[in-house]
Amino acid sequence: MSEVIVERYADTDALVDAAARRFVAAVVSAQRERGSASVVLTGGGTGIGLLKAVRKDPGDIDWSAIDIYWGDDRFVPYEDSERNELQARDALLDHVPVDESRVFPMAPSDGAFDDNPAVAAAAYAQLVPDEFDIHLLGMGGEGHVNSLFPHTDAVRETSATVVAVTDSPKPPPVRVTLTLPAVQRAKEVWLVVSGANKAEAVAAAIGGASSDDIPSAGARGKNATVWLLDEAAASELPQA
Protein backbone atom coordinates (compact mmCIF):
# COMPACT_ATOMS: atom_id res chain seq x y z
CA MET A 1 0.00 0.00 0.00
CA SER A 2 1.23 3.48 -0.84
CA GLU A 3 2.79 5.35 2.06
CA VAL A 4 1.21 8.75 2.77
CA ILE A 5 3.69 11.43 3.79
CA VAL A 6 2.60 14.89 4.95
CA GLU A 7 5.15 17.67 5.30
CA ARG A 8 4.31 21.19 6.47
CA TYR A 9 6.21 24.40 5.81
CA ALA A 10 5.83 27.85 7.28
CA ASP A 11 4.80 29.62 4.10
CA THR A 12 4.70 29.30 0.32
CA ASP A 13 8.33 30.33 -0.19
CA ALA A 14 9.57 27.71 2.26
CA LEU A 15 7.28 25.12 0.66
CA VAL A 16 8.52 25.81 -2.87
CA ASP A 17 12.18 25.77 -1.84
CA ALA A 18 11.79 22.48 0.03
CA ALA A 19 9.85 20.88 -2.82
CA ALA A 20 12.55 21.94 -5.29
CA ARG A 21 15.30 20.42 -3.14
CA ARG A 22 13.30 17.21 -2.82
CA PHE A 23 12.75 17.15 -6.60
CA VAL A 24 16.45 17.55 -7.37
CA ALA A 25 17.39 14.83 -4.89
CA ALA A 26 14.80 12.40 -6.23
CA VAL A 27 15.79 12.94 -9.87
CA VAL A 28 19.49 12.52 -9.08
CA SER A 29 18.76 9.38 -7.08
CA ALA A 30 16.75 7.84 -9.93
CA GLN A 31 19.47 8.69 -12.44
CA ARG A 32 22.16 7.13 -10.26
CA GLU A 33 20.07 4.02 -9.72
CA ARG A 34 18.83 3.41 -13.28
CA GLY A 35 20.62 5.89 -15.52
CA SER A 36 17.60 8.09 -16.16
CA ALA A 37 14.51 9.59 -14.54
CA SER A 38 10.97 10.34 -15.68
CA VAL A 39 8.88 13.17 -14.27
CA VAL A 40 5.47 14.72 -14.86
CA LEU A 41 5.29 18.50 -14.47
CA THR A 42 2.38 20.61 -13.33
CA GLY A 43 1.42 24.24 -13.80
CA GLY A 44 -0.01 26.75 -11.36
CA GLY A 45 1.78 29.10 -9.02
CA THR A 46 3.47 26.50 -6.84
CA GLY A 47 4.29 24.19 -9.74
CA ILE A 48 5.98 26.90 -11.77
CA GLY A 49 7.59 28.35 -8.64
CA LEU A 50 9.13 24.94 -7.97
CA LEU A 51 10.63 24.89 -11.48
CA LYS A 52 12.08 28.36 -10.99
CA ALA A 53 13.67 27.20 -7.75
CA VAL A 54 15.16 24.16 -9.49
CA ARG A 55 16.60 26.47 -12.12
CA LYS A 56 18.43 28.41 -9.39
CA ASP A 57 19.92 25.26 -7.85
CA PRO A 58 19.69 22.18 -10.11
CA GLY A 59 22.27 20.24 -8.15
CA ASP A 60 23.66 17.25 -10.02
CA ILE A 61 20.70 16.61 -12.33
CA ASP A 62 21.84 15.19 -15.67
CA TRP A 63 19.51 17.03 -18.03
CA SER A 64 20.36 14.67 -20.89
CA ALA A 65 18.94 11.73 -18.92
CA ILE A 66 15.45 12.84 -17.93
CA ASP A 67 12.09 12.25 -19.63
CA ILE A 68 9.67 15.13 -19.09
CA TYR A 69 5.88 14.89 -19.41
CA TRP A 70 2.94 17.08 -18.41
CA GLY A 71 -0.07 16.18 -16.34
CA ASP A 72 -2.34 18.42 -18.37
CA ASP A 73 -2.39 21.43 -20.62
CA ARG A 74 -4.83 23.89 -22.05
CA PHE A 75 -5.81 23.09 -25.63
CA VAL A 76 -5.06 26.57 -26.95
CA PRO A 77 -2.63 27.89 -29.59
CA TYR A 78 1.05 27.19 -29.01
CA GLU A 79 1.97 30.80 -28.26
CA ASP A 80 -0.79 31.23 -25.66
CA SER A 81 0.88 32.27 -22.41
CA GLU A 82 -1.56 30.11 -20.45
CA ARG A 83 -0.02 26.89 -21.75
CA ASN A 84 1.74 24.91 -19.04
CA GLU A 85 4.44 23.94 -21.51
CA LEU A 86 5.40 27.55 -22.26
CA GLN A 87 5.39 28.47 -18.59
CA ALA A 88 7.63 25.50 -17.78
CA ARG A 89 10.01 26.38 -20.57
CA ASP A 90 10.22 29.97 -19.40
CA ALA A 91 10.73 28.92 -15.78
CA LEU A 92 13.25 26.12 -16.35
CA LEU A 93 13.49 24.09 -19.52
CA ASP A 94 14.79 26.84 -21.80
CA HIS A 95 17.63 27.44 -19.34
CA VAL A 96 19.00 23.92 -18.89
CA PRO A 97 20.47 21.49 -21.46
CA VAL A 98 17.49 19.16 -21.78
CA ASP A 99 17.44 16.61 -24.58
CA GLU A 100 14.44 17.82 -26.60
CA SER A 101 13.80 14.29 -27.86
CA ARG A 102 12.97 13.41 -24.26
CA VAL A 103 10.57 16.32 -23.67
CA PHE A 104 6.94 15.37 -24.36
CA PRO A 105 4.56 18.35 -24.38
CA MET A 106 0.87 18.01 -25.13
CA ALA A 107 -0.23 19.28 -28.52
CA PRO A 108 -1.62 22.82 -28.83
CA SER A 109 -4.83 23.58 -30.70
CA ASP A 110 -2.86 24.84 -33.71
CA GLY A 111 -0.64 21.77 -33.77
CA ALA A 112 -0.77 18.53 -35.72
CA PHE A 113 -4.27 17.40 -34.80
CA ASP A 114 -6.56 19.89 -36.55
CA ASP A 115 -7.95 21.46 -33.40
CA ASN A 116 -9.23 18.05 -32.24
CA PRO A 117 -8.53 17.54 -28.53
CA ALA A 118 -9.70 13.91 -28.56
CA VAL A 119 -7.14 13.02 -31.22
CA ALA A 120 -4.48 14.98 -29.34
CA ALA A 121 -5.32 13.04 -26.17
CA ALA A 122 -5.14 9.70 -27.98
CA ALA A 123 -1.76 10.63 -29.44
CA TYR A 124 -0.41 11.61 -26.02
CA ALA A 125 -1.62 8.33 -24.57
CA GLN A 126 0.80 6.57 -26.93
CA LEU A 127 3.67 8.41 -25.22
CA VAL A 128 2.73 7.69 -21.61
CA PRO A 129 5.12 5.12 -20.10
CA ASP A 130 4.21 2.30 -17.76
CA GLU A 131 5.82 4.14 -14.85
CA PHE A 132 6.96 7.60 -13.80
CA ASP A 133 9.41 8.37 -11.02
CA ILE A 134 7.56 11.52 -9.89
CA HIS A 135 4.22 13.03 -10.79
CA LEU A 136 4.00 16.62 -9.55
CA LEU A 137 0.55 18.01 -8.85
CA GLY A 138 -0.94 21.25 -7.69
CA MET A 139 -4.49 21.32 -6.40
CA GLY A 140 -7.46 23.65 -6.78
CA GLY A 141 -9.65 24.84 -3.97
CA GLU A 142 -12.31 22.26 -4.81
CA GLY A 143 -9.71 19.50 -4.93
CA HIS A 144 -9.06 19.23 -8.66
CA VAL A 145 -5.71 17.95 -9.94
CA ASN A 146 -4.49 18.10 -13.54
CA SER A 147 -7.73 18.91 -15.39
CA LEU A 148 -9.73 16.39 -13.36
CA PHE A 149 -12.62 18.26 -11.76
CA PRO A 150 -15.23 16.94 -9.32
CA HIS A 151 -18.18 14.99 -10.72
CA THR A 152 -16.91 14.88 -14.31
CA ASP A 153 -16.38 12.08 -16.79
CA ALA A 154 -12.65 12.74 -16.76
CA VAL A 155 -12.20 12.10 -13.04
CA ARG A 156 -14.36 8.97 -13.30
CA GLU A 157 -12.20 7.50 -16.08
CA THR A 158 -10.92 4.06 -15.07
CA SER A 159 -8.94 2.83 -18.08
CA ALA A 160 -7.74 5.52 -20.50
CA THR A 161 -4.56 7.28 -19.41
CA VAL A 162 -5.23 10.54 -21.29
CA VAL A 163 -8.56 12.18 -22.15
CA ALA A 164 -9.85 15.38 -23.67
CA VAL A 165 -11.87 17.74 -21.48
CA THR A 166 -14.26 20.01 -23.38
CA ASP A 167 -16.26 21.51 -20.52
CA SER A 168 -13.75 22.48 -17.85
CA PRO A 169 -15.42 24.61 -15.18
CA LYS A 170 -12.19 26.59 -15.03
CA PRO A 171 -11.40 28.42 -18.29
CA PRO A 172 -10.37 27.70 -20.90
CA PRO A 173 -12.92 24.90 -21.29
CA VAL A 174 -10.90 22.64 -23.61
CA ARG A 175 -7.91 20.74 -22.21
CA VAL A 176 -5.97 17.51 -22.47
CA THR A 177 -5.25 15.70 -19.22
CA LEU A 178 -3.72 12.62 -17.68
CA THR A 179 -6.32 10.64 -15.75
CA LEU A 180 -6.12 9.09 -12.29
CA PRO A 181 -5.06 5.72 -13.79
CA ALA A 182 -2.07 7.54 -15.33
CA VAL A 183 -1.29 9.45 -12.15
CA GLN A 184 -1.27 6.17 -10.27
CA ARG A 185 1.50 4.87 -12.55
CA ALA A 186 3.97 7.10 -10.71
CA LYS A 187 6.23 5.66 -8.06
CA GLU A 188 5.68 8.84 -6.10
CA VAL A 189 2.90 11.40 -6.45
CA TRP A 190 3.66 14.78 -4.89
CA LEU A 191 0.90 17.28 -4.19
CA VAL A 192 2.42 20.72 -3.67
CA VAL A 193 -0.32 22.89 -2.20
CA SER A 194 -0.45 26.33 -0.61
CA GLY A 195 -3.17 28.62 0.63
CA ALA A 196 -5.97 28.55 3.20
CA ASN A 197 -8.58 28.18 0.46
CA LYS A 198 -7.20 24.67 -0.19
CA ALA A 199 -7.29 23.53 3.45
CA GLU A 200 -10.73 21.92 3.43
CA ALA A 201 -9.99 19.90 0.29
CA VAL A 202 -6.56 18.87 1.61
CA ALA A 203 -8.11 17.53 4.80
CA ALA A 204 -10.85 15.73 2.88
CA ALA A 205 -8.42 14.12 0.44
CA ILE A 206 -6.02 12.92 3.13
CA GLY A 207 -9.00 11.78 5.18
CA GLY A 208 -10.16 9.40 2.47
CA ALA A 209 -12.79 11.31 0.50
CA SER A 210 -14.18 9.95 -2.74
CA SER A 211 -12.15 10.97 -5.79
CA ASP A 212 -15.43 11.87 -7.49
CA ASP A 213 -15.99 14.52 -4.82
CA ILE A 214 -12.32 15.45 -4.24
CA PRO A 215 -10.20 14.36 -7.24
CA SER A 216 -6.93 14.74 -5.34
CA ALA A 217 -8.05 11.90 -3.08
CA GLY A 218 -7.44 9.55 -6.01
CA ALA A 219 -3.94 10.87 -6.74
CA ARG A 220 -1.86 8.10 -5.21
CA GLY A 221 1.65 6.93 -5.98
CA LYS A 222 2.68 3.28 -6.16
CA ASN A 223 5.25 3.71 -3.40
CA ALA A 224 4.41 7.05 -1.80
CA THR A 225 1.91 9.87 -1.90
CA VAL A 226 3.61 13.01 -0.62
CA TRP A 227 1.65 16.07 0.51
CA LEU A 228 3.89 19.14 0.64
CA LEU A 229 1.87 21.90 2.29
CA ASP A 230 2.28 25.35 3.68
CA GLU A 231 0.74 25.90 7.09
CA ALA A 232 -2.31 27.61 5.61
CA ALA A 233 -3.12 24.62 3.38
CA ALA A 234 -2.51 22.25 6.31
CA SER A 235 -4.61 24.26 8.76
CA GLU A 236 -7.55 21.82 8.86
CA LEU A 237 -5.42 18.73 9.41
CA PRO A 238 -5.09 17.29 12.90
CA GLN A 239 -2.09 18.62 14.75
CA ALA A 240 0.77 16.15 15.03
C-alpha atoms as a PDB file:
ATOM      1  CA  MET A   1       0.000   0.000   0.000  1.00  0.00           C
ATOM      2  CA  SER A   2       1.228   3.483  -0.841  1.00  0.00           C
ATOM      3  CA  GLU A   3       2.790   5.351   2.064  1.00  0.00           C
ATOM      4  CA  VAL A   4       1.212   8.749   2.765  1.00  0.00           C
ATOM      5  CA  ILE A   5       3.693  11.428   3.791  1.00  0.00           C
ATOM      6  CA  VAL A   6       2.604  14.887   4.952  1.00  0.00           C
ATOM      7  CA  GLU A   7       5.150  17.673   5.304  1.00  0.00           C
ATOM      8  CA  ARG A   8       4.308  21.188   6.475  1.00  0.00           C
ATOM      9  CA  TYR A   9       6.213  24.395   5.811  1.00  0.00           C
ATOM     10  CA  ALA A  10       5.829  27.849   7.282  1.00  0.00           C
ATOM     11  CA  ASP A  11       4.799  29.622   4.095  1.00  0.00           C
ATOM     12  CA  THR A  12       4.699  29.296   0.325  1.00  0.00           C
ATOM     13  CA  ASP A  13       8.330  30.333  -0.189  1.00  0.00           C
ATOM     14  CA  ALA A  14       9.571  27.711   2.257  1.00  0.00           C
ATOM     15  CA  LEU A  15       7.281  25.122   0.659  1.00  0.00           C
ATOM     16  CA  VAL A  16       8.519  25.810  -2.865  1.00  0.00           C
ATOM     17  CA  ASP A  17      12.176  25.770  -1.838  1.00  0.00           C
ATOM     18  CA  ALA A  18      11.791  22.483   0.034  1.00  0.00           C
ATOM     19  CA  ALA A  19       9.850  20.885  -2.821  1.00  0.00           C
ATOM     20  CA  ALA A  20      12.551  21.944  -5.286  1.00  0.00           C
ATOM     21  CA  ARG A  21      15.296  20.418  -3.138  1.00  0.00           C
ATOM     22  CA  ARG A  22      13.297  17.210  -2.819  1.00  0.00           C
ATOM     23  CA  PHE A  23      12.746  17.150  -6.596  1.00  0.00           C
ATOM     24  CA  VAL A  24      16.450  17.552  -7.370  1.00  0.00           C
ATOM     25  CA  ALA A  25      17.391  14.830  -4.886  1.00  0.00           C
ATOM     26  CA  ALA A  26      14.796  12.400  -6.235  1.00  0.00           C
ATOM     27  CA  VAL A  27      15.791  12.938  -9.867  1.00  0.00           C
ATOM     28  CA  VAL A  28      19.489  12.521  -9.081  1.00  0.00           C
ATOM     29  CA  SER A  29      18.760   9.376  -7.079  1.00  0.00           C
ATOM     30  CA  ALA A  30      16.753   7.835  -9.928  1.00  0.00           C
ATOM     31  CA  GLN A  31      19.475   8.687 -12.437  1.00  0.00           C
ATOM     32  CA  ARG A  32      22.163   7.133 -10.258  1.00  0.00           C
ATOM     33  CA  GLU A  33      20.070   4.016  -9.722  1.00  0.00           C
ATOM     34  CA  ARG A  34      18.832   3.406 -13.277  1.00  0.00           C
ATOM     35  CA  GLY A  35      20.625   5.891 -15.522  1.00  0.00           C
ATOM     36  CA  SER A  36      17.596   8.091 -16.162  1.00  0.00           C
ATOM     37  CA  ALA A  37      14.515   9.588 -14.543  1.00  0.00           C
ATOM     38  CA  SER A  38      10.971  10.338 -15.684  1.00  0.00           C
ATOM     39  CA  VAL A  39       8.877  13.169 -14.274  1.00  0.00           C
ATOM     40  CA  VAL A  40       5.469  14.719 -14.857  1.00  0.00           C
ATOM     41  CA  LEU A  41       5.287  18.495 -14.466  1.00  0.00           C
ATOM     42  CA  THR A  42       2.384  20.605 -13.332  1.00  0.00           C
ATOM     43  CA  GLY A  43       1.418  24.239 -13.796  1.00  0.00           C
ATOM     44  CA  GLY A  44      -0.008  26.746 -11.362  1.00  0.00           C
ATOM     45  CA  GLY A  45       1.776  29.105  -9.022  1.00  0.00           C
ATOM     46  CA  THR A  46       3.465  26.502  -6.844  1.00  0.00           C
ATOM     47  CA  GLY A  47       4.290  24.194  -9.745  1.00  0.00           C
ATOM     48  CA  ILE A  48       5.978  26.902 -11.774  1.00  0.00           C
ATOM     49  CA  GLY A  49       7.586  28.351  -8.643  1.00  0.00           C
ATOM     50  CA  LEU A  50       9.126  24.943  -7.971  1.00  0.00           C
ATOM     51  CA  LEU A  51      10.631  24.893 -11.481  1.00  0.00           C
ATOM     52  CA  LYS A  52      12.078  28.359 -10.991  1.00  0.00           C
ATOM     53  CA  ALA A  53      13.670  27.196  -7.746  1.00  0.00           C
ATOM     54  CA  VAL A  54      15.157  24.157  -9.491  1.00  0.00           C
ATOM     55  CA  ARG A  55      16.605  26.472 -12.125  1.00  0.00           C
ATOM     56  CA  LYS A  56      18.433  28.408  -9.390  1.00  0.00           C
ATOM     57  CA  ASP A  57      19.923  25.261  -7.853  1.00  0.00           C
ATOM     58  CA  PRO A  58      19.690  22.183 -10.109  1.00  0.00           C
ATOM     59  CA  GLY A  59      22.269  20.244  -8.150  1.00  0.00           C
ATOM     60  CA  ASP A  60      23.658  17.246 -10.021  1.00  0.00           C
ATOM     61  CA  ILE A  61      20.703  16.614 -12.331  1.00  0.00           C
ATOM     62  CA  ASP A  62      21.838  15.187 -15.669  1.00  0.00           C
ATOM     63  CA  TRP A  63      19.507  17.030 -18.034  1.00  0.00           C
ATOM     64  CA  SER A  64      20.358  14.670 -20.887  1.00  0.00           C
ATOM     65  CA  ALA A  65      18.935  11.732 -18.922  1.00  0.00           C
ATOM     66  CA  ILE A  66      15.451  12.840 -17.933  1.00  0.00           C
ATOM     67  CA  ASP A  67      12.094  12.252 -19.629  1.00  0.00           C
ATOM     68  CA  ILE A  68       9.672  15.126 -19.095  1.00  0.00           C
ATOM     69  CA  TYR A  69       5.881  14.893 -19.413  1.00  0.00           C
ATOM     70  CA  TRP A  70       2.939  17.081 -18.414  1.00  0.00           C
ATOM     71  CA  GLY A  71      -0.072  16.177 -16.338  1.00  0.00           C
ATOM     72  CA  ASP A  72      -2.341  18.422 -18.372  1.00  0.00           C
ATOM     73  CA  ASP A  73      -2.390  21.432 -20.623  1.00  0.00           C
ATOM     74  CA  ARG A  74      -4.834  23.888 -22.050  1.00  0.00           C
ATOM     75  CA  PHE A  75      -5.811  23.095 -25.635  1.00  0.00           C
ATOM     76  CA  VAL A  76      -5.057  26.570 -26.948  1.00  0.00           C
ATOM     77  CA  PRO A  77      -2.626  27.887 -29.592  1.00  0.00           C
ATOM     78  CA  TYR A  78       1.049  27.189 -29.009  1.00  0.00           C
ATOM     79  CA  GLU A  79       1.969  30.802 -28.263  1.00  0.00           C
ATOM     80  CA  ASP A  80      -0.786  31.230 -25.661  1.00  0.00           C
ATOM     81  CA  SER A  81       0.879  32.267 -22.408  1.00  0.00           C
ATOM     82  CA  GLU A  82      -1.565  30.111 -20.452  1.00  0.00           C
ATOM     83  CA  ARG A  83      -0.023  26.889 -21.748  1.00  0.00           C
ATOM     84  CA  ASN A  84       1.735  24.910 -19.042  1.00  0.00           C
ATOM     85  CA  GLU A  85       4.443  23.942 -21.514  1.00  0.00           C
ATOM     86  CA  LEU A  86       5.399  27.547 -22.263  1.00  0.00           C
ATOM     87  CA  GLN A  87       5.385  28.469 -18.589  1.00  0.00           C
ATOM     88  CA  ALA A  88       7.627  25.497 -17.775  1.00  0.00           C
ATOM     89  CA  ARG A  89      10.009  26.385 -20.572  1.00  0.00           C
ATOM     90  CA  ASP A  90      10.222  29.970 -19.398  1.00  0.00           C
ATOM     91  CA  ALA A  91      10.733  28.917 -15.777  1.00  0.00           C
ATOM     92  CA  LEU A  92      13.246  26.123 -16.346  1.00  0.00           C
ATOM     93  CA  LEU A  93      13.485  24.093 -19.525  1.00  0.00           C
ATOM     94  CA  ASP A  94      14.790  26.844 -21.804  1.00  0.00           C
ATOM     95  CA  HIS A  95      17.626  27.444 -19.345  1.00  0.00           C
ATOM     96  CA  VAL A  96      19.002  23.921 -18.892  1.00  0.00           C
ATOM     97  CA  PRO A  97      20.467  21.487 -21.461  1.00  0.00           C
ATOM     98  CA  VAL A  98      17.492  19.160 -21.784  1.00  0.00           C
ATOM     99  CA  ASP A  99      17.442  16.607 -24.580  1.00  0.00           C
ATOM    100  CA  GLU A 100      14.442  17.820 -26.604  1.00  0.00           C
ATOM    101  CA  SER A 101      13.803  14.289 -27.862  1.00  0.00           C
ATOM    102  CA  ARG A 102      12.974  13.412 -24.261  1.00  0.00           C
ATOM    103  CA  VAL A 103      10.572  16.320 -23.672  1.00  0.00           C
ATOM    104  CA  PHE A 104       6.938  15.365 -24.360  1.00  0.00           C
ATOM    105  CA  PRO A 105       4.560  18.346 -24.377  1.00  0.00           C
ATOM    106  CA  MET A 106       0.869  18.014 -25.127  1.00  0.00           C
ATOM    107  CA  ALA A 107      -0.231  19.278 -28.518  1.00  0.00           C
ATOM    108  CA  PRO A 108      -1.624  22.825 -28.826  1.00  0.00           C
ATOM    109  CA  SER A 109      -4.835  23.579 -30.704  1.00  0.00           C
ATOM    110  CA  ASP A 110      -2.857  24.842 -33.707  1.00  0.00           C
ATOM    111  CA  GLY A 111      -0.638  21.774 -33.774  1.00  0.00           C
ATOM    112  CA  ALA A 112      -0.768  18.529 -35.719  1.00  0.00           C
ATOM    113  CA  PHE A 113      -4.274  17.402 -34.796  1.00  0.00           C
ATOM    114  CA  ASP A 114      -6.563  19.886 -36.549  1.00  0.00           C
ATOM    115  CA  ASP A 115      -7.946  21.461 -33.395  1.00  0.00           C
ATOM    116  CA  ASN A 116      -9.230  18.051 -32.239  1.00  0.00           C
ATOM    117  CA  PRO A 117      -8.529  17.535 -28.531  1.00  0.00           C
ATOM    118  CA  ALA A 118      -9.697  13.909 -28.564  1.00  0.00           C
ATOM    119  CA  VAL A 119      -7.145  13.025 -31.222  1.00  0.00           C
ATOM    120  CA  ALA A 120      -4.477  14.979 -29.338  1.00  0.00           C
ATOM    121  CA  ALA A 121      -5.316  13.038 -26.166  1.00  0.00           C
ATOM    122  CA  ALA A 122      -5.144   9.695 -27.981  1.00  0.00           C
ATOM    123  CA  ALA A 123      -1.762  10.634 -29.440  1.00  0.00           C
ATOM    124  CA  TYR A 124      -0.411  11.613 -26.024  1.00  0.00           C
ATOM    125  CA  ALA A 125      -1.617   8.327 -24.571  1.00  0.00           C
ATOM    126  CA  GLN A 126       0.795   6.573 -26.931  1.00  0.00           C
ATOM    127  CA  LEU A 127       3.672   8.407 -25.220  1.00  0.00           C
ATOM    128  CA  VAL A 128       2.732   7.692 -21.609  1.00  0.00           C
ATOM    129  CA  PRO A 129       5.115   5.124 -20.104  1.00  0.00           C
ATOM    130  CA  ASP A 130       4.215   2.303 -17.758  1.00  0.00           C
ATOM    131  CA  GLU A 131       5.815   4.140 -14.849  1.00  0.00           C
ATOM    132  CA  PHE A 132       6.963   7.601 -13.804  1.00  0.00           C
ATOM    133  CA  ASP A 133       9.405   8.366 -11.022  1.00  0.00           C
ATOM    134  CA  ILE A 134       7.565  11.515  -9.890  1.00  0.00           C
ATOM    135  CA  HIS A 135       4.224  13.033 -10.787  1.00  0.00           C
ATOM    136  CA  LEU A 136       4.003  16.625  -9.546  1.00  0.00           C
ATOM    137  CA  LEU A 137       0.554  18.011  -8.851  1.00  0.00           C
ATOM    138  CA  GLY A 138      -0.939  21.247  -7.690  1.00  0.00           C
ATOM    139  CA  MET A 139      -4.495  21.324  -6.398  1.00  0.00           C
ATOM    140  CA  GLY A 140      -7.457  23.646  -6.784  1.00  0.00           C
ATOM    141  CA  GLY A 141      -9.646  24.839  -3.970  1.00  0.00           C
ATOM    142  CA  GLU A 142     -12.309  22.256  -4.809  1.00  0.00           C
ATOM    143  CA  GLY A 143      -9.711  19.499  -4.933  1.00  0.00           C
ATOM    144  CA  HIS A 144      -9.058  19.230  -8.662  1.00  0.00           C
ATOM    145  CA  VAL A 145      -5.713  17.950  -9.939  1.00  0.00           C
ATOM    146  CA  ASN A 146      -4.490  18.102 -13.537  1.00  0.00           C
ATOM    147  CA  SER A 147      -7.734  18.909 -15.390  1.00  0.00           C
ATOM    148  CA  LEU A 148      -9.734  16.389 -13.362  1.00  0.00           C
ATOM    149  CA  PHE A 149     -12.616  18.257 -11.761  1.00  0.00           C
ATOM    150  CA  PRO A 150     -15.226  16.936  -9.318  1.00  0.00           C
ATOM    151  CA  HIS A 151     -18.177  14.989 -10.717  1.00  0.00           C
ATOM    152  CA  THR A 152     -16.909  14.878 -14.311  1.00  0.00           C
ATOM    153  CA  ASP A 153     -16.381  12.081 -16.793  1.00  0.00           C
ATOM    154  CA  ALA A 154     -12.646  12.739 -16.758  1.00  0.00           C
ATOM    155  CA  VAL A 155     -12.199  12.102 -13.044  1.00  0.00           C
ATOM    156  CA  ARG A 156     -14.361   8.969 -13.301  1.00  0.00           C
ATOM    157  CA  GLU A 157     -12.204   7.497 -16.084  1.00  0.00           C
ATOM    158  CA  THR A 158     -10.922   4.061 -15.065  1.00  0.00           C
ATOM    159  CA  SER A 159      -8.944   2.830 -18.076  1.00  0.00           C
ATOM    160  CA  ALA A 160      -7.743   5.518 -20.497  1.00  0.00           C
ATOM    161  CA  THR A 161      -4.557   7.281 -19.412  1.00  0.00           C
ATOM    162  CA  VAL A 162      -5.234  10.541 -21.287  1.00  0.00           C
ATOM    163  CA  VAL A 163      -8.556  12.177 -22.146  1.00  0.00           C
ATOM    164  CA  ALA A 164      -9.851  15.383 -23.667  1.00  0.00           C
ATOM    165  CA  VAL A 165     -11.871  17.744 -21.478  1.00  0.00           C
ATOM    166  CA  THR A 166     -14.257  20.009 -23.379  1.00  0.00           C
ATOM    167  CA  ASP A 167     -16.262  21.513 -20.520  1.00  0.00           C
ATOM    168  CA  SER A 168     -13.752  22.481 -17.846  1.00  0.00           C
ATOM    169  CA  PRO A 169     -15.420  24.612 -15.181  1.00  0.00           C
ATOM    170  CA  LYS A 170     -12.191  26.589 -15.028  1.00  0.00           C
ATOM    171  CA  PRO A 171     -11.397  28.424 -18.292  1.00  0.00           C
ATOM    172  CA  PRO A 172     -10.370  27.696 -20.900  1.00  0.00           C
ATOM    173  CA  PRO A 173     -12.919  24.900 -21.288  1.00  0.00           C
ATOM    174  CA  VAL A 174     -10.895  22.639 -23.607  1.00  0.00           C
ATOM    175  CA  ARG A 175      -7.913  20.739 -22.210  1.00  0.00           C
ATOM    176  CA  VAL A 176      -5.967  17.512 -22.474  1.00  0.00           C
ATOM    177  CA  THR A 177      -5.246  15.698 -19.216  1.00  0.00           C
ATOM    178  CA  LEU A 178      -3.725  12.617 -17.683  1.00  0.00           C
ATOM    179  CA  THR A 179      -6.320  10.637 -15.746  1.00  0.00           C
ATOM    180  CA  LEU A 180      -6.122   9.092 -12.294  1.00  0.00           C
ATOM    181  CA  PRO A 181      -5.056   5.725 -13.789  1.00  0.00           C
ATOM    182  CA  ALA A 182      -2.073   7.539 -15.330  1.00  0.00           C
ATOM    183  CA  VAL A 183      -1.289   9.453 -12.150  1.00  0.00           C
ATOM    184  CA  GLN A 184      -1.271   6.165 -10.270  1.00  0.00           C
ATOM    185  CA  ARG A 185       1.498   4.869 -12.545  1.00  0.00           C
ATOM    186  CA  ALA A 186       3.972   7.104 -10.713  1.00  0.00           C
ATOM    187  CA  LYS A 187       6.228   5.658  -8.056  1.00  0.00           C
ATOM    188  CA  GLU A 188       5.679   8.843  -6.103  1.00  0.00           C
ATOM    189  CA  VAL A 189       2.902  11.403  -6.446  1.00  0.00           C
ATOM    190  CA  TRP A 190       3.663  14.784  -4.890  1.00  0.00           C
ATOM    191  CA  LEU A 191       0.900  17.283  -4.192  1.00  0.00           C
ATOM    192  CA  VAL A 192       2.424  20.717  -3.667  1.00  0.00           C
ATOM    193  CA  VAL A 193      -0.316  22.886  -2.199  1.00  0.00           C
ATOM    194  CA  SER A 194      -0.447  26.332  -0.611  1.00  0.00           C
ATOM    195  CA  GLY A 195      -3.174  28.625   0.631  1.00  0.00           C
ATOM    196  CA  ALA A 196      -5.969  28.554   3.200  1.00  0.00           C
ATOM    197  CA  ASN A 197      -8.576  28.184   0.455  1.00  0.00           C
ATOM    198  CA  LYS A 198      -7.199  24.672  -0.188  1.00  0.00           C
ATOM    199  CA  ALA A 199      -7.285  23.529   3.450  1.00  0.00           C
ATOM    200  CA  GLU A 200     -10.728  21.919   3.430  1.00  0.00           C
ATOM    201  CA  ALA A 201      -9.992  19.903   0.288  1.00  0.00           C
ATOM    202  CA  VAL A 202      -6.558  18.873   1.613  1.00  0.00           C
ATOM    203  CA  ALA A 203      -8.108  17.528   4.796  1.00  0.00           C
ATOM    204  CA  ALA A 204     -10.852  15.729   2.881  1.00  0.00           C
ATOM    205  CA  ALA A 205      -8.417  14.118   0.441  1.00  0.00           C
ATOM    206  CA  ILE A 206      -6.024  12.919   3.127  1.00  0.00           C
ATOM    207  CA  GLY A 207      -8.997  11.780   5.181  1.00  0.00           C
ATOM    208  CA  GLY A 208     -10.162   9.398   2.468  1.00  0.00           C
ATOM    209  CA  ALA A 209     -12.790  11.309   0.504  1.00  0.00           C
ATOM    210  CA  SER A 210     -14.181   9.954  -2.742  1.00  0.00           C
ATOM    211  CA  SER A 211     -12.146  10.966  -5.793  1.00  0.00           C
ATOM    212  CA  ASP A 212     -15.430  11.873  -7.493  1.00  0.00           C
ATOM    213  CA  ASP A 213     -15.986  14.518  -4.815  1.00  0.00           C
ATOM    214  CA  ILE A 214     -12.324  15.447  -4.238  1.00  0.00           C
ATOM    215  CA  PRO A 215     -10.198  14.361  -7.244  1.00  0.00           C
ATOM    216  CA  SER A 216      -6.926  14.738  -5.337  1.00  0.00           C
ATOM    217  CA  ALA A 217      -8.049  11.901  -3.083  1.00  0.00           C
ATOM    218  CA  GLY A 218      -7.445   9.548  -6.014  1.00  0.00           C
ATOM    219  CA  ALA A 219      -3.944  10.874  -6.737  1.00  0.00           C
ATOM    220  CA  ARG A 220      -1.858   8.101  -5.214  1.00  0.00           C
ATOM    221  CA  GLY A 221       1.650   6.927  -5.977  1.00  0.00           C
ATOM    222  CA  LYS A 222       2.682   3.276  -6.158  1.00  0.00           C
ATOM    223  CA  ASN A 223       5.252   3.714  -3.396  1.00  0.00           C
ATOM    224  CA  ALA A 224       4.406   7.048  -1.803  1.00  0.00           C
ATOM    225  CA  THR A 225       1.912   9.873  -1.902  1.00  0.00           C
ATOM    226  CA  VAL A 226       3.609  13.012  -0.622  1.00  0.00           C
ATOM    227  CA  TRP A 227       1.655  16.066   0.506  1.00  0.00           C
ATOM    228  CA  LEU A 228       3.892  19.137   0.637  1.00  0.00           C
ATOM    229  CA  LEU A 229       1.869  21.896   2.292  1.00  0.00           C
ATOM    230  CA  ASP A 230       2.276  25.349   3.676  1.00  0.00           C
ATOM    231  CA  GLU A 231       0.740  25.902   7.093  1.00  0.00           C
ATOM    232  CA  ALA A 232      -2.307  27.607   5.610  1.00  0.00           C
ATOM    233  CA  ALA A 233      -3.124  24.618   3.382  1.00  0.00           C
ATOM    234  CA  ALA A 234      -2.509  22.251   6.310  1.00  0.00           C
ATOM    235  CA  SER A 235      -4.605  24.259   8.761  1.00  0.00           C
ATOM    236  CA  GLU A 236      -7.553  21.822   8.862  1.00  0.00           C
ATOM    237  CA  LEU A 237      -5.421  18.733   9.409  1.00  0.00           C
ATOM    238  CA  PRO A 238      -5.092  17.293  12.903  1.00  0.00           C
ATOM    239  CA  GLN A 239      -2.087  18.624  14.748  1.00  0.00           C
ATOM    240  CA  ALA A 240       0.770  16.150  15.031  1.00  0.00           C
END
